[in-house]
PDB file of N, CA and C in Angstrom:
ATOM      1  N   MET A   1     -53.539-184.756   5.328  1.00  0.00           N
ATOM      2  CA  MET A   1     -53.614-183.850   4.661  1.00  0.00           C
ATOM      3  C   MET A   1     -54.370-183.742   3.909  1.00  0.00           C
ATOM      4  N   GLU A   2     -55.946-183.564   3.644  1.00  0.00           N
ATOM      5  CA  GLU A   2     -57.213-182.908   3.073  1.00  0.00           C
ATOM      6  C   GLU A   2     -56.656-181.558   3.221  1.00  0.00           C
ATOM      7  N   GLY A   3     -56.668-181.174   4.346  1.00  0.00           N
ATOM      8  CA  GLY A   3     -56.556-179.632   4.671  1.00  0.00           C
ATOM      9  C   GLY A   3     -55.653-179.427   3.751  1.00  0.00           C
ATOM     10  N   CYS A   4     -54.810-179.578   3.391  1.00  0.00           N
ATOM     11  CA  CYS A   4     -53.634-178.840   2.755  1.00  0.00           C
ATOM     12  C   CYS A   4     -53.980-179.473   1.484  1.00  0.00           C
ATOM     13  N   ASP A   5     -54.739-179.994   0.406  1.00  0.00           N
ATOM     14  CA  ASP A   5     -55.590-179.843  -0.677  1.00  0.00           C
ATOM     15  C   ASP A   5     -56.296-179.056  -0.951  1.00  0.00           C
ATOM     16  N   GLU A   6     -57.112-178.739   0.252  1.00  0.00           N
ATOM     17  CA  GLU A   6     -57.957-177.637   0.701  1.00  0.00           C
ATOM     18  C   GLU A   6     -57.648-176.089   0.195  1.00  0.00           C
ATOM     19  N   MET A   7     -56.404-176.170   1.096  1.00  0.00           N
ATOM     20  CA  MET A   7     -56.030-174.829   0.626  1.00  0.00           C
ATOM     21  C   MET A   7     -55.237-174.512  -0.609  1.00  0.00           C
ATOM     22  N   LYS A   8     -54.787-175.931  -1.164  1.00  0.00           N
ATOM     23  CA  LYS A   8     -54.394-175.551  -2.957  1.00  0.00           C
ATOM     24  C   LYS A   8     -55.144-175.389  -3.527  1.00  0.00           C
ATOM     25  N   ASN A   9     -56.252-175.683  -3.458  1.00  0.00           N
ATOM     26  CA  ASN A   9     -57.340-175.747  -3.998  1.00  0.00           C
ATOM     27  C   ASN A   9     -57.905-174.128  -3.980  1.00  0.00           C
ATOM     28  N   PHE A  10     -57.871-173.623  -3.333  1.00  0.00           N
ATOM     29  CA  PHE A  10     -57.815-171.922  -2.572  1.00  0.00           C
ATOM     30  C   PHE A  10     -57.237-171.403  -3.487  1.00  0.00           C
ATOM     31  N   ILE A  11     -55.888-171.937  -3.421  1.00  0.00           N
ATOM     32  CA  ILE A  11     -54.406-170.557  -3.340  1.00  0.00           C
ATOM     33  C   ILE A  11     -55.425-171.001  -5.069  1.00  0.00           C
ATOM     34  N   VAL A  12     -55.275-171.714  -5.570  1.00  0.00           N
ATOM     35  CA  VAL A  12     -55.540-172.058  -6.893  1.00  0.00           C
ATOM     36  C   VAL A  12     -56.549-171.027  -7.783  1.00  0.00           C
ATOM     37  N   ARG A  13     -57.705-171.343  -6.609  1.00  0.00           N
ATOM     38  CA  ARG A  13     -59.104-170.181  -7.551  1.00  0.00           C
ATOM     39  C   ARG A  13     -59.288-168.893  -7.014  1.00  0.00           C
ATOM     40  N   PHE A  14     -58.353-168.206  -5.896  1.00  0.00           N
ATOM     41  CA  PHE A  14     -58.302-166.764  -5.560  1.00  0.00           C
ATOM     42  C   PHE A  14     -56.721-166.231  -5.345  1.00  0.00           C
ATOM     43  N   GLY A  15     -56.127-166.752  -5.814  1.00  0.00           N
ATOM     44  CA  GLY A  15     -54.536-166.960  -5.731  1.00  0.00           C
ATOM     45  C   GLY A  15     -54.212-165.638  -6.604  1.00  0.00           C
ATOM     46  N   LYS A  16     -54.955-165.840  -8.380  1.00  0.00           N
ATOM     47  CA  LYS A  16     -53.888-165.044  -9.092  1.00  0.00           C
ATOM     48  C   LYS A  16     -54.076-163.973  -9.416  1.00  0.00           C
ATOM     49  N   LYS A  17     -53.399-163.073  -9.994  1.00  0.00           N
ATOM     50  CA  LYS A  17     -53.345-161.748 -10.029  1.00  0.00           C
ATOM     51  C   LYS A  17     -55.036-161.356  -9.794  1.00  0.00           C
ATOM     52  N   HIS A  18     -54.832-160.145  -9.133  1.00  0.00           N
ATOM     53  CA  HIS A  18     -56.328-159.438  -9.538  1.00  0.00           C
ATOM     54  C   HIS A  18     -56.258-158.802 -10.439  1.00  0.00           C
ATOM     55  N   GLN A  19     -57.019-158.752 -10.969  1.00  0.00           N
ATOM     56  CA  GLN A  19     -57.129-157.568 -12.213  1.00  0.00           C
ATOM     57  C   GLN A  19     -58.082-156.068 -11.961  1.00  0.00           C
ATOM     58  N   GLU A  20     -56.697-155.822 -12.210  1.00  0.00           N
ATOM     59  CA  GLU A  20     -57.882-153.935 -12.070  1.00  0.00           C
ATOM     60  C   GLU A  20     -58.855-153.682 -13.057  1.00  0.00           C
ATOM     61  N   THR A  21     -59.656-153.251 -12.183  1.00  0.00           N
ATOM     62  CA  THR A  21     -60.813-152.311 -13.712  1.00  0.00           C
ATOM     63  C   THR A  21     -59.449-151.315 -14.785  1.00  0.00           C
ATOM     64  N   PRO A  22     -60.425-151.817 -15.814  1.00  0.00           N
ATOM     65  CA  PRO A  22     -59.725-150.624 -16.869  1.00  0.00           C
ATOM     66  C   PRO A  22     -60.078-148.860 -16.235  1.00  0.00           C
ATOM     67  N   ILE A  23     -59.826-148.452 -17.246  1.00  0.00           N
ATOM     68  CA  ILE A  23     -59.727-146.949 -16.545  1.00  0.00           C
ATOM     69  C   ILE A  23     -59.741-146.301 -18.120  1.00  0.00           C
ATOM     70  N   ASP A  24     -60.910-145.476 -18.137  1.00  0.00           N
ATOM     71  CA  ASP A  24     -61.029-144.782 -20.108  1.00  0.00           C
ATOM     72  C   ASP A  24     -60.238-143.147 -19.191  1.00  0.00           C
ATOM     73  N   PHE A  25     -59.045-142.336 -20.211  1.00  0.00           N
ATOM     74  CA  PHE A  25     -58.973-141.493 -19.181  1.00  0.00           C
ATOM     75  C   PHE A  25     -58.170-140.540 -20.930  1.00  0.00           C
ATOM     76  N   GLY A  26     -59.315-139.602 -21.357  1.00  0.00           N
ATOM     77  CA  GLY A  26     -58.676-139.142 -22.952  1.00  0.00           C
ATOM     78  C   GLY A  26     -59.019-140.015 -23.968  1.00  0.00           C
ATOM     79  N   ASP A  27     -58.202-140.028 -24.503  1.00  0.00           N
ATOM     80  CA  ASP A  27     -57.590-141.045 -26.033  1.00  0.00           C
ATOM     81  C   ASP A  27     -57.389-142.240 -25.558  1.00  0.00           C
ATOM     82  N   ILE A  28     -57.472-142.814 -24.372  1.00  0.00           N
ATOM     83  CA  ILE A  28     -56.511-143.976 -23.352  1.00  0.00           C
ATOM     84  C   ILE A  28     -57.062-145.105 -22.982  1.00  0.00           C
ATOM     85  N   GLN A  29     -56.724-145.911 -22.776  1.00  0.00           N
ATOM     86  CA  GLN A  29     -57.708-147.134 -21.263  1.00  0.00           C
ATOM     87  C   GLN A  29     -56.571-147.155 -20.772  1.00  0.00           C
ATOM     88  N   LEU A  30     -56.641-147.369 -20.038  1.00  0.00           N
ATOM     89  CA  LEU A  30     -55.609-148.386 -18.887  1.00  0.00           C
ATOM     90  C   LEU A  30     -55.878-149.578 -18.680  1.00  0.00           C
ATOM     91  N   VAL A  31     -55.661-150.624 -18.705  1.00  0.00           N
ATOM     92  CA  VAL A  31     -56.098-151.617 -18.826  1.00  0.00           C
ATOM     93  C   VAL A  31     -54.995-152.519 -18.350  1.00  0.00           C
ATOM     94  N   SER A  32     -54.851-153.007 -16.315  1.00  0.00           N
ATOM     95  CA  SER A  32     -53.601-153.807 -16.455  1.00  0.00           C
ATOM     96  C   SER A  32     -52.597-153.370 -16.468  1.00  0.00           C
ATOM     97  N   ASN A  33     -51.529-153.602 -16.785  1.00  0.00           N
ATOM     98  CA  ASN A  33     -50.107-153.425 -17.491  1.00  0.00           C
ATOM     99  C   ASN A  33     -50.537-153.095 -19.142  1.00  0.00           C
ATOM    100  N   LYS A  34     -51.270-152.363 -19.241  1.00  0.00           N
ATOM    101  CA  LYS A  34     -51.349-151.930 -20.718  1.00  0.00           C
ATOM    102  C   LYS A  34     -51.994-150.418 -21.442  1.00  0.00           C
ATOM    103  N   VAL A  35     -51.795-149.643 -21.371  1.00  0.00           N
ATOM    104  CA  VAL A  35     -52.450-148.521 -22.143  1.00  0.00           C
ATOM    105  C   VAL A  35     -52.757-149.164 -24.210  1.00  0.00           C
ATOM    106  N   LYS A  36     -53.757-148.839 -24.297  1.00  0.00           N
ATOM    107  CA  LYS A  36     -54.708-148.790 -25.178  1.00  0.00           C
ATOM    108  C   LYS A  36     -54.976-147.310 -25.794  1.00  0.00           C
ATOM    109  N   GLY A  37     -54.358-146.728 -27.586  1.00  0.00           N
ATOM    110  CA  GLY A  37     -54.676-145.690 -27.607  1.00  0.00           C
ATOM    111  C   GLY A  37     -55.968-145.987 -29.161  1.00  0.00           C
ATOM    112  N   ALA A  38     -55.924-144.449 -30.382  1.00  0.00           N
ATOM    113  CA  ALA A  38     -56.908-145.947 -30.790  1.00  0.00           C
ATOM    114  C   ALA A  38     -56.592-147.091 -32.165  1.00  0.00           C
ATOM    115  N   ASP A  39     -55.364-146.785 -32.168  1.00  0.00           N
ATOM    116  CA  ASP A  39     -54.579-147.524 -32.894  1.00  0.00           C
ATOM    117  C   ASP A  39     -54.383-148.710 -33.121  1.00  0.00           C
ATOM    118  N   CYS A  40     -53.688-148.435 -31.357  1.00  0.00           N
ATOM    119  CA  CYS A  40     -51.803-149.575 -30.587  1.00  0.00           C
ATOM    120  C   CYS A  40     -52.404-149.472 -29.885  1.00  0.00           C
ATOM    121  N   GLU A  41     -51.545-149.959 -28.962  1.00  0.00           N
ATOM    122  CA  GLU A  41     -51.160-150.596 -27.838  1.00  0.00           C
ATOM    123  C   GLU A  41     -49.818-150.958 -26.873  1.00  0.00           C
ATOM    124  N   VAL A  42     -49.549-150.282 -25.673  1.00  0.00           N
ATOM    125  CA  VAL A  42     -47.955-150.721 -25.514  1.00  0.00           C
ATOM    126  C   VAL A  42     -48.235-151.312 -24.076  1.00  0.00           C
ATOM    127  N   GLN A  43     -47.258-152.023 -23.828  1.00  0.00           N
ATOM    128  CA  GLN A  43     -46.752-152.626 -22.274  1.00  0.00           C
ATOM    129  C   GLN A  43     -46.490-151.497 -21.201  1.00  0.00           C
ATOM    130  N   LEU A  44     -47.110-151.708 -20.203  1.00  0.00           N
ATOM    131  CA  LEU A  44     -45.662-151.328 -19.250  1.00  0.00           C
ATOM    132  C   LEU A  44     -45.544-151.722 -18.172  1.00  0.00           C
ATOM    133  N   SER A  45     -44.345-151.618 -17.604  1.00  0.00           N
ATOM    134  CA  SER A  45     -44.017-152.620 -16.554  1.00  0.00           C
ATOM    135  C   SER A  45     -45.011-151.941 -15.186  1.00  0.00           C
ATOM    136  N   ASP A  46     -44.773-153.081 -13.706  1.00  0.00           N
ATOM    137  CA  ASP A  46     -45.147-152.248 -12.693  1.00  0.00           C
ATOM    138  C   ASP A  46     -45.555-151.661 -12.687  1.00  0.00           C
ATOM    139  N   LYS A  47     -44.303-151.132 -12.374  1.00  0.00           N
ATOM    140  CA  LYS A  47     -44.548-149.573 -12.232  1.00  0.00           C
ATOM    141  C   LYS A  47     -44.911-148.469 -12.428  1.00  0.00           C
ATOM    142  N   GLU A  48     -44.571-148.905 -13.885  1.00  0.00           N
ATOM    143  CA  GLU A  48     -45.005-147.112 -14.976  1.00  0.00           C
ATOM    144  C   GLU A  48     -46.926-147.791 -15.050  1.00  0.00           C
ATOM    145  N   SER A  49     -47.371-148.677 -14.283  1.00  0.00           N
ATOM    146  CA  SER A  49     -49.074-148.904 -14.439  1.00  0.00           C
ATOM    147  C   SER A  49     -48.810-148.420 -13.533  1.00  0.00           C
ATOM    148  N   LYS A  50     -48.639-148.581 -11.823  1.00  0.00           N
ATOM    149  CA  LYS A  50     -49.311-148.155 -10.780  1.00  0.00           C
ATOM    150  C   LYS A  50     -49.011-146.374 -11.189  1.00  0.00           C
ATOM    151  N   LEU A  51     -48.074-146.292 -11.667  1.00  0.00           N
ATOM    152  CA  LEU A  51     -47.961-144.962 -11.700  1.00  0.00           C
ATOM    153  C   LEU A  51     -48.466-143.722 -12.482  1.00  0.00           C
ATOM    154  N   MET A  52     -49.151-144.589 -13.996  1.00  0.00           N
ATOM    155  CA  MET A  52     -49.788-144.120 -14.857  1.00  0.00           C
ATOM    156  C   MET A  52     -51.579-143.964 -14.185  1.00  0.00           C
ATOM    157  N   ARG A  53     -52.059-145.112 -13.030  1.00  0.00           N
ATOM    158  CA  ARG A  53     -53.416-145.211 -12.424  1.00  0.00           C
ATOM    159  C   ARG A  53     -53.118-144.208 -11.648  1.00  0.00           C
ATOM    160  N   PHE A  54     -52.431-143.546 -10.492  1.00  0.00           N
ATOM    161  CA  PHE A  54     -52.410-143.230 -10.041  1.00  0.00           C
ATOM    162  C   PHE A  54     -52.178-141.429 -10.137  1.00  0.00           C
ATOM    163  N   PHE A  55     -51.409-141.311 -11.585  1.00  0.00           N
ATOM    164  CA  PHE A  55     -51.508-139.628 -12.367  1.00  0.00           C
ATOM    165  C   PHE A  55     -53.272-139.772 -12.550  1.00  0.00           C
ATOM    166  N   ILE A  56     -53.637-140.584 -12.868  1.00  0.00           N
ATOM    167  CA  ILE A  56     -55.169-140.562 -14.060  1.00  0.00           C
ATOM    168  C   ILE A  56     -56.153-140.218 -12.846  1.00  0.00           C
ATOM    169  N   ASN A  57     -56.125-141.745 -11.248  1.00  0.00           N
ATOM    170  CA  ASN A  57     -57.530-141.594 -10.340  1.00  0.00           C
ATOM    171  C   ASN A  57     -56.799-139.618  -9.896  1.00  0.00           C
ATOM    172  N   ASN A  58     -55.952-138.535  -9.919  1.00  0.00           N
ATOM    173  CA  ASN A  58     -55.350-137.865  -9.371  1.00  0.00           C
ATOM    174  C   ASN A  58     -55.163-136.657  -9.913  1.00  0.00           C
ATOM    175  N   HIS A  59     -55.776-136.986 -11.311  1.00  0.00           N
ATOM    176  CA  HIS A  59     -56.084-136.068 -13.015  1.00  0.00           C
ATOM    177  C   HIS A  59     -56.242-134.936 -12.305  1.00  0.00           C
ATOM    178  N   LYS A  60     -57.297-134.416 -11.682  1.00  0.00           N
ATOM    179  CA  LYS A  60     -57.920-132.848 -10.785  1.00  0.00           C
ATOM    180  C   LYS A  60     -56.996-132.297 -10.379  1.00  0.00           C
ATOM    181  N   THR A  61     -55.852-132.733  -9.850  1.00  0.00           N
ATOM    182  CA  THR A  61     -54.734-131.855  -8.727  1.00  0.00           C
ATOM    183  C   THR A  61     -53.158-132.028  -9.337  1.00  0.00           C
ATOM    184  N   VAL A  62     -52.564-130.435  -9.103  1.00  0.00           N
ATOM    185  CA  VAL A  62     -51.111-130.963  -9.510  1.00  0.00           C
ATOM    186  C   VAL A  62     -50.354-131.620  -8.112  1.00  0.00           C
ATOM    187  N   ILE A  63     -49.989-132.386  -8.405  1.00  0.00           N
ATOM    188  CA  ILE A  63     -49.438-134.019  -7.224  1.00  0.00           C
ATOM    189  C   ILE A  63     -47.869-133.413  -6.622  1.00  0.00           C
ATOM    190  N   PRO A  64     -47.924-132.610  -5.745  1.00  0.00           N
ATOM    191  CA  PRO A  64     -46.279-133.315  -4.922  1.00  0.00           C
ATOM    192  C   PRO A  64     -45.605-134.174  -5.554  1.00  0.00           C
ATOM    193  N   ASP A  65     -43.588-134.123  -5.901  1.00  0.00           N
ATOM    194  CA  ASP A  65     -43.149-135.111  -6.259  1.00  0.00           C
ATOM    195  C   ASP A  65     -42.851-136.224  -4.984  1.00  0.00           C
ATOM    196  N   GLU A  66     -43.102-135.808  -3.982  1.00  0.00           N
ATOM    197  CA  GLU A  66     -42.679-136.838  -2.907  1.00  0.00           C
ATOM    198  C   GLU A  66     -44.465-137.753  -3.029  1.00  0.00           C
ATOM    199  N   SER A  67     -45.529-136.606  -3.029  1.00  0.00           N
ATOM    200  CA  SER A  67     -46.754-137.866  -2.870  1.00  0.00           C
ATOM    201  C   SER A  67     -46.655-138.643  -4.383  1.00  0.00           C
ATOM    202  N   VAL A  68     -46.089-138.584  -5.390  1.00  0.00           N
ATOM    203  CA  VAL A  68     -46.163-139.710  -6.118  1.00  0.00           C
ATOM    204  C   VAL A  68     -45.551-141.207  -6.016  1.00  0.00           C
ATOM    205  N   ALA A  69     -44.352-140.883  -6.198  1.00  0.00           N
ATOM    206  CA  ALA A  69     -43.387-141.788  -5.534  1.00  0.00           C
ATOM    207  C   ALA A  69     -44.476-142.575  -4.355  1.00  0.00           C
ATOM    208  N   ILE A  70     -44.512-141.701  -3.379  1.00  0.00           N
ATOM    209  CA  ILE A  70     -45.010-142.285  -2.443  1.00  0.00           C
ATOM    210  C   ILE A  70     -47.143-143.114  -2.726  1.00  0.00           C
ATOM    211  N   GLY A  71     -47.751-141.629  -3.525  1.00  0.00           N
ATOM    212  CA  GLY A  71     -49.199-143.065  -3.330  1.00  0.00           C
ATOM    213  C   GLY A  71     -48.847-143.853  -4.799  1.00  0.00           C
ATOM    214  N   ALA A  72     -48.217-143.772  -5.876  1.00  0.00           N
ATOM    215  CA  ALA A  72     -47.638-144.972  -7.064  1.00  0.00           C
ATOM    216  C   ALA A  72     -47.814-146.521  -6.496  1.00  0.00           C
ATOM    217  N   TRP A  73     -46.035-146.462  -5.684  1.00  0.00           N
ATOM    218  CA  TRP A  73     -45.304-147.417  -5.359  1.00  0.00           C
ATOM    219  C   TRP A  73     -44.632-147.893  -3.253  1.00  0.00           C
ATOM    220  N   GLY A  74     -45.507-146.327  -3.235  1.00  0.00           N
ATOM    221  CA  GLY A  74     -44.544-146.773  -1.290  1.00  0.00           C
ATOM    222  C   GLY A  74     -43.567-145.943  -1.530  1.00  0.00           C
ATOM    223  N   GLY A  75     -42.852-145.447  -3.002  1.00  0.00           N
ATOM    224  CA  GLY A  75     -41.813-144.188  -2.004  1.00  0.00           C
ATOM    225  C   GLY A  75     -41.014-144.458  -2.807  1.00  0.00           C
ATOM    226  N   GLY A  76     -39.696-143.650  -3.009  1.00  0.00           N
ATOM    227  CA  GLY A  76     -38.889-143.544  -4.400  1.00  0.00           C
ATOM    228  C   GLY A  76     -37.763-142.549  -3.871  1.00  0.00           C
ATOM    229  N   SER A  77     -37.078-142.381  -4.975  1.00  0.00           N
ATOM    230  CA  SER A  77     -36.160-140.792  -5.215  1.00  0.00           C
ATOM    231  C   SER A  77     -36.870-140.691  -5.840  1.00  0.00           C
ATOM    232  N   PRO A  78     -36.283-139.776  -6.463  1.00  0.00           N
ATOM    233  CA  PRO A  78     -36.496-138.386  -7.330  1.00  0.00           C
ATOM    234  C   PRO A  78     -36.359-138.372  -8.814  1.00  0.00           C
ATOM    235  N   ASP A  79     -35.048-139.010  -8.905  1.00  0.00           N
ATOM    236  CA  ASP A  79     -34.175-139.845  -9.853  1.00  0.00           C
ATOM    237  C   ASP A  79     -35.067-140.447 -10.507  1.00  0.00           C
ATOM    238  N   GLU A  80     -35.455-142.014 -10.226  1.00  0.00           N
ATOM    239  CA  GLU A  80     -36.441-142.518 -10.346  1.00  0.00           C
ATOM    240  C   GLU A  80     -37.562-142.295 -10.393  1.00  0.00           C
ATOM    241  N   LEU A  81     -38.676-141.645 -10.201  1.00  0.00           N
ATOM    242  CA  LEU A  81     -39.650-140.828 -10.219  1.00  0.00           C
ATOM    243  C   LEU A  81     -39.385-139.934 -11.556  1.00  0.00           C
ATOM    244  N   GLU A  82     -38.474-139.194 -11.700  1.00  0.00           N
ATOM    245  CA  GLU A  82     -37.938-138.541 -12.582  1.00  0.00           C
ATOM    246  C   GLU A  82     -37.939-139.708 -14.515  1.00  0.00           C
ATOM    247  N   ALA A  83     -37.533-141.088 -13.978  1.00  0.00           N
ATOM    248  CA  ALA A  83     -37.541-141.694 -15.441  1.00  0.00           C
ATOM    249  C   ALA A  83     -38.629-142.244 -15.467  1.00  0.00           C
ATOM    250  N   TYR A  84     -38.871-142.828 -14.502  1.00  0.00           N
ATOM    251  CA  TYR A  84     -40.555-143.321 -14.906  1.00  0.00           C
ATOM    252  C   TYR A  84     -41.283-142.557 -15.189  1.00  0.00           C
ATOM    253  N   VAL A  85     -41.545-141.576 -14.992  1.00  0.00           N
ATOM    254  CA  VAL A  85     -42.621-140.425 -15.759  1.00  0.00           C
ATOM    255  C   VAL A  85     -41.935-140.299 -17.422  1.00  0.00           C
ATOM    256  N   GLY A  86     -41.174-140.136 -17.301  1.00  0.00           N
ATOM    257  CA  GLY A  86     -39.938-140.012 -18.862  1.00  0.00           C
ATOM    258  C   GLY A  86     -40.902-141.509 -19.856  1.00  0.00           C
ATOM    259  N   PHE A  87     -40.609-142.428 -18.680  1.00  0.00           N
ATOM    260  CA  PHE A  87     -40.778-143.615 -19.363  1.00  0.00           C
ATOM    261  C   PHE A  87     -42.414-143.457 -20.465  1.00  0.00           C
ATOM    262  N   LEU A  88     -42.965-143.359 -18.961  1.00  0.00           N
ATOM    263  CA  LEU A  88     -44.586-143.217 -19.711  1.00  0.00           C
ATOM    264  C   LEU A  88     -45.053-142.195 -20.256  1.00  0.00           C
ATOM    265  N   ARG A  89     -44.266-141.057 -20.827  1.00  0.00           N
ATOM    266  CA  ARG A  89     -44.302-139.800 -21.539  1.00  0.00           C
ATOM    267  C   ARG A  89     -43.880-140.508 -22.889  1.00  0.00           C
ATOM    268  N   GLN A  90     -42.842-141.402 -23.178  1.00  0.00           N
ATOM    269  CA  GLN A  90     -42.547-141.732 -24.404  1.00  0.00           C
ATOM    270  C   GLN A  90     -43.280-143.448 -25.203  1.00  0.00           C
ATOM    271  N   LYS A  91     -44.063-143.265 -23.743  1.00  0.00           N
ATOM    272  CA  LYS A  91     -45.730-144.700 -24.206  1.00  0.00           C
ATOM    273  C   LYS A  91     -46.365-143.511 -24.947  1.00  0.00           C
ATOM    274  N   LEU A  92     -46.558-142.424 -24.018  1.00  0.00           N
ATOM    275  CA  LEU A  92     -47.450-142.018 -24.948  1.00  0.00           C
ATOM    276  C   LEU A  92     -47.252-142.047 -26.252  1.00  0.00           C
ATOM    277  N   GLU A  93     -46.520-141.397 -25.960  1.00  0.00           N
ATOM    278  CA  GLU A  93     -46.057-140.381 -28.434  1.00  0.00           C
ATOM    279  C   GLU A  93     -46.159-141.947 -28.519  1.00  0.00           C
ATOM    280  N   TYR A  94     -45.945-143.143 -28.524  1.00  0.00           N
ATOM    281  CA  TYR A  94     -45.599-144.268 -29.224  1.00  0.00           C
ATOM    282  C   TYR A  94     -46.789-144.257 -29.892  1.00  0.00           C
ATOM    283  N   ILE A  95     -48.081-144.746 -29.064  1.00  0.00           N
ATOM    284  CA  ILE A  95     -49.138-144.913 -29.011  1.00  0.00           C
ATOM    285  C   ILE A  95     -49.836-143.624 -29.795  1.00  0.00           C
ATOM    286  N   ARG A  96     -49.117-142.352 -29.622  1.00  0.00           N
ATOM    287  CA  ARG A  96     -50.060-141.277 -30.587  1.00  0.00           C
ATOM    288  C   ARG A  96     -50.956-140.848 -29.485  1.00  0.00           C
ATOM    289  N   SER A  97     -50.749-140.565 -28.185  1.00  0.00           N
ATOM    290  CA  SER A  97     -51.607-140.330 -27.631  1.00  0.00           C
ATOM    291  C   SER A  97     -52.010-139.127 -26.728  1.00  0.00           C
ATOM    292  N   GLU A  98     -53.085-137.582 -26.978  1.00  0.00           N
ATOM    293  CA  GLU A  98     -52.398-136.057 -26.948  1.00  0.00           C
ATOM    294  C   GLU A  98     -52.894-136.474 -25.245  1.00  0.00           C
ATOM    295  N   ILE A  99     -52.317-137.327 -24.506  1.00  0.00           N
ATOM    296  CA  ILE A  99     -52.536-136.878 -22.728  1.00  0.00           C
ATOM    297  C   ILE A  99     -50.336-136.686 -22.787  1.00  0.00           C
ATOM    298  N   LYS A 100     -50.906-135.712 -21.996  1.00  0.00           N
ATOM    299  CA  LYS A 100     -49.443-135.278 -21.487  1.00  0.00           C
ATOM    300  C   LYS A 100     -49.266-134.770 -19.681  1.00  0.00           C
ATOM    301  N   ILE A 101     -47.947-135.219 -20.116  1.00  0.00           N
ATOM    302  CA  ILE A 101     -48.048-135.216 -17.942  1.00  0.00           C
ATOM    303  C   ILE A 101     -46.671-134.018 -17.580  1.00  0.00           C
ATOM    304  N   PHE A 102     -47.043-132.868 -17.238  1.00  0.00           N
ATOM    305  CA  PHE A 102     -46.308-131.943 -17.348  1.00  0.00           C
ATOM    306  C   PHE A 102     -45.545-131.992 -15.364  1.00  0.00           C
ATOM    307  N   LYS A 103     -44.702-131.616 -15.852  1.00  0.00           N
ATOM    308  CA  LYS A 103     -43.775-131.152 -14.367  1.00  0.00           C
ATOM    309  C   LYS A 103     -43.422-129.991 -14.688  1.00  0.00           C
ATOM    310  N   ILE A 104     -44.589-128.824 -12.929  1.00  0.00           N
ATOM    311  CA  ILE A 104     -44.626-128.367 -12.660  1.00  0.00           C
ATOM    312  C   ILE A 104     -43.552-127.379 -11.642  1.00  0.00           C
ATOM    313  N   ASN A 105     -42.230-127.087 -11.639  1.00  0.00           N
ATOM    314  CA  ASN A 105     -41.251-126.850 -10.813  1.00  0.00           C
ATOM    315  C   ASN A 105     -41.544-126.039  -9.753  1.00  0.00           C
ATOM    316  N   GLY A 106     -41.549-126.501  -8.545  1.00  0.00           N
ATOM    317  CA  GLY A 106     -41.828-125.863  -7.548  1.00  0.00           C
ATOM    318  C   GLY A 106     -43.194-126.526  -7.350  1.00  0.00           C
ATOM    319  N   LEU A 107     -43.704-127.476  -7.820  1.00  0.00           N
ATOM    320  CA  LEU A 107     -45.233-127.653  -7.146  1.00  0.00           C
ATOM    321  C   LEU A 107     -45.411-129.214  -7.524  1.00  0.00           C
ATOM    322  N   GLY A 108     -45.341-130.325  -8.358  1.00  0.00           N
ATOM    323  CA  GLY A 108     -44.956-131.001  -8.728  1.00  0.00           C
ATOM    324  C   GLY A 108     -45.602-131.373 -10.046  1.00  0.00           C
ATOM    325  N   TYR A 109     -46.479-132.686 -10.301  1.00  0.00           N
ATOM    326  CA  TYR A 109     -46.536-133.508 -11.146  1.00  0.00           C
ATOM    327  C   TYR A 109     -48.414-133.387 -11.707  1.00  0.00           C
ATOM    328  N   LYS A 110     -49.010-133.117 -12.813  1.00  0.00           N
ATOM    329  CA  LYS A 110     -50.282-132.857 -13.424  1.00  0.00           C
ATOM    330  C   LYS A 110     -50.540-133.653 -15.018  1.00  0.00           C
ATOM    331  N   ILE A 111     -51.407-134.606 -14.900  1.00  0.00           N
ATOM    332  CA  ILE A 111     -51.379-135.285 -15.997  1.00  0.00           C
ATOM    333  C   ILE A 111     -52.914-134.337 -16.901  1.00  0.00           C
ATOM    334  N   CYS A 112     -53.044-134.129 -17.704  1.00  0.00           N
ATOM    335  CA  CYS A 112     -53.894-133.426 -19.273  1.00  0.00           C
ATOM    336  C   CYS A 112     -54.421-134.130 -19.921  1.00  0.00           C
ATOM    337  N   THR A 113     -55.144-133.811 -20.318  1.00  0.00           N
ATOM    338  CA  THR A 113     -55.967-134.630 -21.700  1.00  0.00           C
ATOM    339  C   THR A 113     -56.240-133.143 -22.485  1.00  0.00           C
ATOM    340  N   ALA A 114     -56.524-133.415 -23.860  1.00  0.00           N
ATOM    341  CA  ALA A 114     -56.609-131.927 -24.554  1.00  0.00           C
ATOM    342  C   ALA A 114     -57.832-131.432 -24.926  1.00  0.00           C
ATOM    343  N   GLU A 115     -58.833-132.760 -24.120  1.00  0.00           N
ATOM    344  CA  GLU A 115     -59.929-132.084 -24.304  1.00  0.00           C
ATOM    345  C   GLU A 115     -59.725-130.901 -23.400  1.00  0.00           C
TER     346      GLU A 115
END
């Protein structure tokens, strides 16, 4: 049973959820499942967090719709993607961020800063 105890200790030490590196973008900072603005922060769901991280990491390009869902969380319907983009827009507005997520018809999505 000694091996089981060693495995339990390993899981306790290394099995904790991986903390993602904070990302600064425009007037926000994305830290794990939170978006921090100048004066406040808002909690994101896991899917919202992955989507925001994907948008920020690909901010220099227009990302086709199907590539967004696949790149952010492995796939999903266009309606699901549209809903989650809407949730992110509301949360960015709530923290008074100048960041905008645009839908460019026929091409895809683009995230932009006011700078």
